[in-house]
PDB file of N, CA and C in Angstrom:
ATOM      1  N   MET A   1      81.695  43.641  57.405  1.00  0.00           N
ATOM      2  CA  MET A   1      80.697  44.483  58.069  1.00  0.00           C
ATOM      3  C   MET A   1      79.646  45.228  57.174  1.00  0.00           C
ATOM      4  N   GLU A   2      78.582  45.484  57.442  1.00  0.00           N
ATOM      5  CA  GLU A   2      77.495  46.233  56.865  1.00  0.00           C
ATOM      6  C   GLU A   2      77.974  47.760  56.948  1.00  0.00           C
ATOM      7  N   GLN A   3      77.288  48.501  56.106  1.00  0.00           N
ATOM      8  CA  GLN A   3      77.561  49.945  55.796  1.00  0.00           C
ATOM      9  C   GLN A   3      76.776  50.360  57.338  1.00  0.00           C
ATOM     10  N   SER A   4      75.685  49.991  57.582  1.00  0.00           N
ATOM     11  CA  SER A   4      74.951  50.559  58.794  1.00  0.00           C
ATOM     12  C   SER A   4      75.885  50.398  59.766  1.00  0.00           C
ATOM     13  N   GLU A   5      76.456  49.176  60.173  1.00  0.00           N
ATOM     14  CA  GLU A   5      77.343  49.054  61.201  1.00  0.00           C
ATOM     15  C   GLU A   5      78.412  49.823  61.449  1.00  0.00           C
ATOM     16  N   LEU A   6      79.061  50.195  60.214  1.00  0.00           N
ATOM     17  CA  LEU A   6      80.273  51.178  60.239  1.00  0.00           C
ATOM     18  C   LEU A   6      79.836  52.475  60.389  1.00  0.00           C
ATOM     19  N   GLU A   7      78.593  53.114  59.948  1.00  0.00           N
ATOM     20  CA  GLU A   7      78.339  54.301  60.121  1.00  0.00           C
ATOM     21  C   GLU A   7      77.858  54.350  61.800  1.00  0.00           C
ATOM     22  N   SER A   8      77.278  53.188  62.304  1.00  0.00           N
ATOM     23  CA  SER A   8      76.998  53.144  63.644  1.00  0.00           C
ATOM     24  C   SER A   8      78.263  53.573  64.344  1.00  0.00           C
ATOM     25  N   LYS A   9      79.134  52.896  64.125  1.00  0.00           N
ATOM     26  CA  LYS A   9      80.395  52.629  64.776  1.00  0.00           C
ATOM     27  C   LYS A   9      81.154  54.121  64.568  1.00  0.00           C
ATOM     28  N   VAL A  10      81.158  54.638  63.628  1.00  0.00           N
ATOM     29  CA  VAL A  10      81.819  55.851  63.075  1.00  0.00           C
ATOM     30  C   VAL A  10      81.121  57.138  64.034  1.00  0.00           C
ATOM     31  N   GLN A  11      79.832  56.829  63.963  1.00  0.00           N
ATOM     32  CA  GLN A  11      78.931  57.947  65.025  1.00  0.00           C
ATOM     33  C   GLN A  11      79.171  57.560  66.529  1.00  0.00           C
ATOM     34  N   THR A  12      79.491  56.404  66.764  1.00  0.00           N
ATOM     35  CA  THR A  12      79.906  56.286  68.400  1.00  0.00           C
ATOM     36  C   THR A  12      81.113  56.915  68.388  1.00  0.00           C
ATOM     37  N   LEU A  13      81.930  56.763  67.474  1.00  0.00           N
ATOM     38  CA  LEU A  13      83.421  57.320  67.855  1.00  0.00           C
ATOM     39  C   LEU A  13      83.438  58.839  67.790  1.00  0.00           C
ATOM     40  N   GLU A  14      82.802  59.374  66.960  1.00  0.00           N
ATOM     41  CA  GLU A  14      82.312  61.141  66.796  1.00  0.00           C
ATOM     42  C   GLU A  14      81.571  61.426  68.229  1.00  0.00           C
ATOM     43  N   THR A  15      80.780  60.714  68.681  1.00  0.00           N
ATOM     44  CA  THR A  15      80.140  61.133  69.992  1.00  0.00           C
ATOM     45  C   THR A  15      81.269  61.133  71.134  1.00  0.00           C
ATOM     46  N   GLY A  16      82.006  60.041  71.027  1.00  0.00           N
ATOM     47  CA  GLY A  16      83.372  60.058  72.288  1.00  0.00           C
ATOM     48  C   GLY A  16      84.256  61.270  72.083  1.00  0.00           C
ATOM     49  N   LEU A  17      84.396  61.441  70.738  1.00  0.00           N
ATOM     50  CA  LEU A  17      85.652  62.460  70.537  1.00  0.00           C
ATOM     51  C   LEU A  17      84.980  63.577  71.232  1.00  0.00           C
ATOM     52  N   ALA A  18      83.709  64.039  70.732  1.00  0.00           N
ATOM     53  CA  ALA A  18      82.766  65.345  71.237  1.00  0.00           C
ATOM     54  C   ALA A  18      82.907  65.481  72.563  1.00  0.00           C
ATOM     55  N   VAL A  19      82.708  64.342  73.346  1.00  0.00           N
ATOM     56  CA  VAL A  19      82.474  64.547  74.616  1.00  0.00           C
ATOM     57  C   VAL A  19      83.957  64.707  75.311  1.00  0.00           C
ATOM     58  N   GLN A  20      85.336  64.025  74.594  1.00  0.00           N
ATOM     59  CA  GLN A  20      86.409  64.157  75.213  1.00  0.00           C
ATOM     60  C   GLN A  20      86.788  65.853  74.916  1.00  0.00           C
ATOM     61  N   GLU A  21      86.358  66.323  73.885  1.00  0.00           N
ATOM     62  CA  GLU A  21      86.550  67.774  73.608  1.00  0.00           C
ATOM     63  C   GLU A  21      85.884  68.812  74.465  1.00  0.00           C
ATOM     64  N   ALA A  22      84.605  68.136  74.824  1.00  0.00           N
ATOM     65  CA  ALA A  22      83.853  69.269  75.982  1.00  0.00           C
ATOM     66  C   ALA A  22      84.502  68.980  77.078  1.00  0.00           C
ATOM     67  N   ALA A  23      84.838  68.081  77.762  1.00  0.00           N
ATOM     68  CA  ALA A  23      85.479  67.678  78.700  1.00  0.00           C
ATOM     69  C   ALA A  23      86.857  68.557  79.122  1.00  0.00           C
ATOM     70  N   MET A  24      87.682  68.520  77.866  1.00  0.00           N
ATOM     71  CA  MET A  24      88.931  69.221  77.848  1.00  0.00           C
ATOM     72  C   MET A  24      88.665  70.608  77.834  1.00  0.00           C
ATOM     73  N   ALA A  25      87.573  71.078  77.195  1.00  0.00           N
ATOM     74  CA  ALA A  25      87.204  72.647  77.400  1.00  0.00           C
ATOM     75  C   ALA A  25      86.810  73.103  78.657  1.00  0.00           C
ATOM     76  N   GLY A  26      85.875  72.302  79.380  1.00  0.00           N
ATOM     77  CA  GLY A  26      85.657  72.451  80.671  1.00  0.00           C
ATOM     78  C   GLY A  26      86.598  72.618  81.570  1.00  0.00           C
ATOM     79  N   ALA A  27      87.791  71.365  81.364  1.00  0.00           N
ATOM     80  CA  ALA A  27      88.902  71.420  82.216  1.00  0.00           C
ATOM     81  C   ALA A  27      89.677  72.698  82.221  1.00  0.00           C
ATOM     82  N   GLN A  28      89.890  73.016  80.966  1.00  0.00           N
ATOM     83  CA  GLN A  28      90.634  74.308  80.695  1.00  0.00           C
ATOM     84  C   GLN A  28      90.007  75.695  81.112  1.00  0.00           C
ATOM     85  N   ALA A  29      88.545  75.802  81.238  1.00  0.00           N
ATOM     86  CA  ALA A  29      87.900  76.794  81.899  1.00  0.00           C
ATOM     87  C   ALA A  29      88.045  76.779  83.339  1.00  0.00           C
ATOM     88  N   THR A  30      88.147  75.650  83.863  1.00  0.00           N
ATOM     89  CA  THR A  30      88.040  75.400  85.291  1.00  0.00           C
ATOM     90  C   THR A  30      89.395  76.057  85.671  1.00  0.00           C
ATOM     91  N   GLN A  31      90.536  75.806  84.970  1.00  0.00           N
ATOM     92  CA  GLN A  31      91.853  76.058  85.361  1.00  0.00           C
ATOM     93  C   GLN A  31      92.084  77.477  84.956  1.00  0.00           C
ATOM     94  N   ALA A  32      91.323  78.089  84.023  1.00  0.00           N
ATOM     95  CA  ALA A  32      91.568  79.495  83.786  1.00  0.00           C
ATOM     96  C   ALA A  32      90.716  80.321  84.883  1.00  0.00           C
ATOM     97  N   ALA A  33      89.598  79.847  85.380  1.00  0.00           N
ATOM     98  CA  ALA A  33      88.942  80.272  86.750  1.00  0.00           C
ATOM     99  C   ALA A  33      89.564  80.362  87.876  1.00  0.00           C
ATOM    100  N   THR A  34      90.239  79.041  87.945  1.00  0.00           N
ATOM    101  CA  THR A  34      91.107  79.043  89.226  1.00  0.00           C
ATOM    102  C   THR A  34      92.356  79.834  89.410  1.00  0.00           C
ATOM    103  N   GLN A  35      92.912  80.220  88.039  1.00  0.00           N
ATOM    104  CA  GLN A  35      94.200  80.960  88.347  1.00  0.00           C
ATOM    105  C   GLN A  35      93.567  82.319  88.430  1.00  0.00           C
ATOM    106  N   ALA A  36      92.410  82.798  87.819  1.00  0.00           N
ATOM    107  CA  ALA A  36      92.064  84.230  87.981  1.00  0.00           C
ATOM    108  C   ALA A  36      91.517  84.264  89.349  1.00  0.00           C
ATOM    109  N   GLY A  37      91.066  83.245  89.987  1.00  0.00           N
ATOM    110  CA  GLY A  37      90.343  83.429  91.743  1.00  0.00           C
ATOM    111  C   GLY A  37      91.818  83.593  92.543  1.00  0.00           C
ATOM    112  N   MET A  38      92.773  82.620  91.974  1.00  0.00           N
ATOM    113  CA  MET A  38      94.141  82.813  92.943  1.00  0.00           C
ATOM    114  C   MET A  38      94.738  84.438  92.690  1.00  0.00           C
ATOM    115  N   THR A  39      94.890  84.841  91.388  1.00  0.00           N
ATOM    116  CA  THR A  39      95.343  85.858  91.359  1.00  0.00           C
ATOM    117  C   THR A  39      94.546  87.023  92.018  1.00  0.00           C
ATOM    118  N   SER A  40      93.162  87.126  91.766  1.00  0.00           N
ATOM    119  CA  SER A  40      92.544  88.265  92.849  1.00  0.00           C
ATOM    120  C   SER A  40      92.773  87.967  94.352  1.00  0.00           C
ATOM    121  N   THR A  41      92.798  86.858  94.943  1.00  0.00           N
ATOM    122  CA  THR A  41      93.115  86.314  96.129  1.00  0.00           C
ATOM    123  C   THR A  41      94.497  87.191  96.663  1.00  0.00           C
ATOM    124  N   PHE A  42      95.320  87.071  95.808  1.00  0.00           N
ATOM    125  CA  PHE A  42      96.857  87.232  96.091  1.00  0.00           C
ATOM    126  C   PHE A  42      96.578  88.732  96.106  1.00  0.00           C
ATOM    127  N   GLY A  43      96.238  89.340  95.266  1.00  0.00           N
ATOM    128  CA  GLY A  43      95.901  90.731  95.053  1.00  0.00           C
ATOM    129  C   GLY A  43      95.192  91.393  96.512  1.00  0.00           C
ATOM    130  N   ALA A  44      94.349  91.010  96.611  1.00  0.00           N
ATOM    131  CA  ALA A  44      93.479  91.221  97.798  1.00  0.00           C
ATOM    132  C   ALA A  44      94.315  91.053  99.267  1.00  0.00           C
ATOM    133  N   THR A  45      94.981  89.999  99.289  1.00  0.00           N
ATOM    134  CA  THR A  45      96.084  89.778 100.392  1.00  0.00           C
ATOM    135  C   THR A  45      97.017  90.778 100.508  1.00  0.00           C
ATOM    136  N   GLN A  46      97.561  91.100  99.372  1.00  0.00           N
ATOM    137  CA  GLN A  46      98.452  92.408  99.494  1.00  0.00           C
ATOM    138  C   GLN A  46      98.144  93.514 100.020  1.00  0.00           C
ATOM    139  N   ALA A  47      96.693  93.936  99.222  1.00  0.00           N
ATOM    140  CA  ALA A  47      96.167  95.378  99.394  1.00  0.00           C
ATOM    141  C   ALA A  47      95.750  95.105 101.190  1.00  0.00           C
ATOM    142  N   GLY A  48      95.283  94.171 101.731  1.00  0.00           N
ATOM    143  CA  GLY A  48      95.025  94.017 102.938  1.00  0.00           C
ATOM    144  C   GLY A  48      96.361  94.066 103.783  1.00  0.00           C
ATOM    145  N   THR A  49      97.397  93.761 103.696  1.00  0.00           N
ATOM    146  CA  THR A  49      98.462  93.680 104.139  1.00  0.00           C
ATOM    147  C   THR A  49      98.898  95.127 104.431  1.00  0.00           C
ATOM    148  N   TRP A  50      99.011  95.849 103.251  1.00  0.00           N
ATOM    149  CA  TRP A  50      99.486  97.118 103.089  1.00  0.00           C
ATOM    150  C   TRP A  50      98.854  98.127 103.833  1.00  0.00           C
ATOM    151  N   SER A  51      97.246  97.854 103.819  1.00  0.00           N
ATOM    152  CA  SER A  51      96.424  98.724 104.551  1.00  0.00           C
ATOM    153  C   SER A  51      96.708  98.594 106.145  1.00  0.00           C
ATOM    154  N   VAL A  52      96.822  97.438 106.550  1.00  0.00           N
ATOM    155  CA  VAL A  52      96.966  97.195 107.985  1.00  0.00           C
ATOM    156  C   VAL A  52      98.548  97.822 108.379  1.00  0.00           C
ATOM    157  N   MET A  53      99.634  97.729 107.540  1.00  0.00           N
ATOM    158  CA  MET A  53     100.824  98.277 107.930  1.00  0.00           C
ATOM    159  C   MET A  53     100.602  99.763 107.862  1.00  0.00           C
ATOM    160  N   VAL A  54      99.829 100.474 106.793  1.00  0.00           N
ATOM    161  CA  VAL A  54      99.464 101.989 106.845  1.00  0.00           C
ATOM    162  C   VAL A  54      98.985 102.466 107.931  1.00  0.00           C
ATOM    163  N   VAL A  55      97.795 101.616 108.583  1.00  0.00           N
ATOM    164  CA  VAL A  55      96.804 102.156 109.687  1.00  0.00           C
ATOM    165  C   VAL A  55      97.962 101.881 110.881  1.00  0.00           C
ATOM    166  N   GLY A  56      98.614 100.978 111.072  1.00  0.00           N
ATOM    167  CA  GLY A  56      99.371 100.693 112.155  1.00  0.00           C
ATOM    168  C   GLY A  56     100.392 101.909 112.217  1.00  0.00           C
ATOM    169  N   SER A  57     100.967 102.209 111.239  1.00  0.00           N
ATOM    170  CA  SER A  57     102.030 103.090 111.294  1.00  0.00           C
ATOM    171  C   SER A  57     101.596 104.376 111.839  1.00  0.00           C
ATOM    172  N   VAL A  58     100.293 104.874 111.206  1.00  0.00           N
ATOM    173  CA  VAL A  58      99.832 106.098 111.604  1.00  0.00           C
ATOM    174  C   VAL A  58      99.292 106.182 112.930  1.00  0.00           C
ATOM    175  N   ALA A  59      98.946 105.056 113.642  1.00  0.00           N
ATOM    176  CA  ALA A  59      98.409 104.990 114.663  1.00  0.00           C
ATOM    177  C   ALA A  59      99.447 104.896 115.740  1.00  0.00           C
ATOM    178  N   LEU A  60     100.843 104.535 115.183  1.00  0.00           N
ATOM    179  CA  LEU A  60     101.814 104.597 116.114  1.00  0.00           C
ATOM    180  C   LEU A  60     102.421 106.144 116.213  1.00  0.00           C
ATOM    181  N   VAL A  61     102.378 106.790 115.205  1.00  0.00           N
ATOM    182  CA  VAL A  61     102.808 108.273 114.846  1.00  0.00           C
ATOM    183  C   VAL A  61     101.728 109.307 115.900  1.00  0.00           C
ATOM    184  N   VAL A  62     100.556 108.924 115.682  1.00  0.00           N
ATOM    185  CA  VAL A  62      99.495 109.529 116.309  1.00  0.00           C
ATOM    186  C   VAL A  62      99.653 109.176 118.134  1.00  0.00           C
ATOM    187  N   GLY A  63     100.066 108.145 118.217  1.00  0.00           N
ATOM    188  CA  GLY A  63     100.277 107.586 119.743  1.00  0.00           C
ATOM    189  C   GLY A  63     101.477 108.328 120.257  1.00  0.00           C
ATOM    190  N   MET A  64     102.395 108.287 119.247  1.00  0.00           N
ATOM    191  CA  MET A  64     103.734 109.268 119.767  1.00  0.00           C
ATOM    192  C   MET A  64     103.316 110.793 120.136  1.00  0.00           C
ATOM    193  N   PHE A  65     102.495 111.090 119.288  1.00  0.00           N
ATOM    194  CA  PHE A  65     102.440 112.890 119.443  1.00  0.00           C
ATOM    195  C   PHE A  65     101.331 113.058 120.566  1.00  0.00           C
ATOM    196  N   LEU A  66     100.537 111.900 120.624  1.00  0.00           N
ATOM    197  CA  LEU A  66      99.379 112.081 121.841  1.00  0.00           C
ATOM    198  C   LEU A  66     100.374 111.776 123.376  1.00  0.00           C
ATOM    199  N   GLY A  67     101.137 110.922 123.063  1.00  0.00           N
ATOM    200  CA  GLY A  67     102.012 110.841 124.430  1.00  0.00           C
ATOM    201  C   GLY A  67     102.829 112.008 124.737  1.00  0.00           C
ATOM    202  N   ILE A  68     103.314 112.437 123.763  1.00  0.00           N
ATOM    203  CA  ILE A  68     104.137 113.815 123.965  1.00  0.00           C
ATOM    204  C   ILE A  68     103.346 114.901 124.665  1.00  0.00           C
ATOM    205  N   THR A  69     102.113 115.079 123.993  1.00  0.00           N
ATOM    206  CA  THR A  69     101.167 115.875 124.580  1.00  0.00           C
ATOM    207  C   THR A  69     100.840 115.862 125.764  1.00  0.00           C
ATOM    208  N   ILE A  70     100.650 114.528 126.325  1.00  0.00           N
ATOM    209  CA  ILE A  70      99.949 114.264 127.555  1.00  0.00           C
ATOM    210  C   ILE A  70     101.145 114.347 128.437  1.00  0.00           C
ATOM    211  N   ALA A  71     102.453 114.280 128.174  1.00  0.00           N
ATOM    212  CA  ALA A  71     103.675 114.177 128.985  1.00  0.00           C
ATOM    213  C   ALA A  71     104.219 115.704 129.298  1.00  0.00           C
ATOM    214  N   LYS A  72     103.836 116.794 128.235  1.00  0.00           N
ATOM    215  CA  LYS A  72     104.015 117.999 128.734  1.00  0.00           C
ATOM    216  C   LYS A  72     103.071 118.504 129.654  1.00  0.00           C
ATOM    217  N   ASN A  73     101.765 118.098 129.738  1.00  0.00           N
ATOM    218  CA  ASN A  73     101.074 118.528 130.659  1.00  0.00           C
ATOM    219  C   ASN A  73     101.126 117.952 132.112  1.00  0.00           C
TER     220      ASN A  73
END
């Protein structure tokens, strides 16, 4: 093989490796973004669940006192 052919093959291999590395970096970034999204979604779900429970509890207590007040009249 001539030196130009070897240089061409080496350049082709280097390009292929660079593409693989870029694809791997992209996959890792996508995975990290997915995990961050799942974590924030879980946090928002927890916050929503707790807020619904608190509002329901407050409404129950207010309803009980309102019912007692109406029953006395």
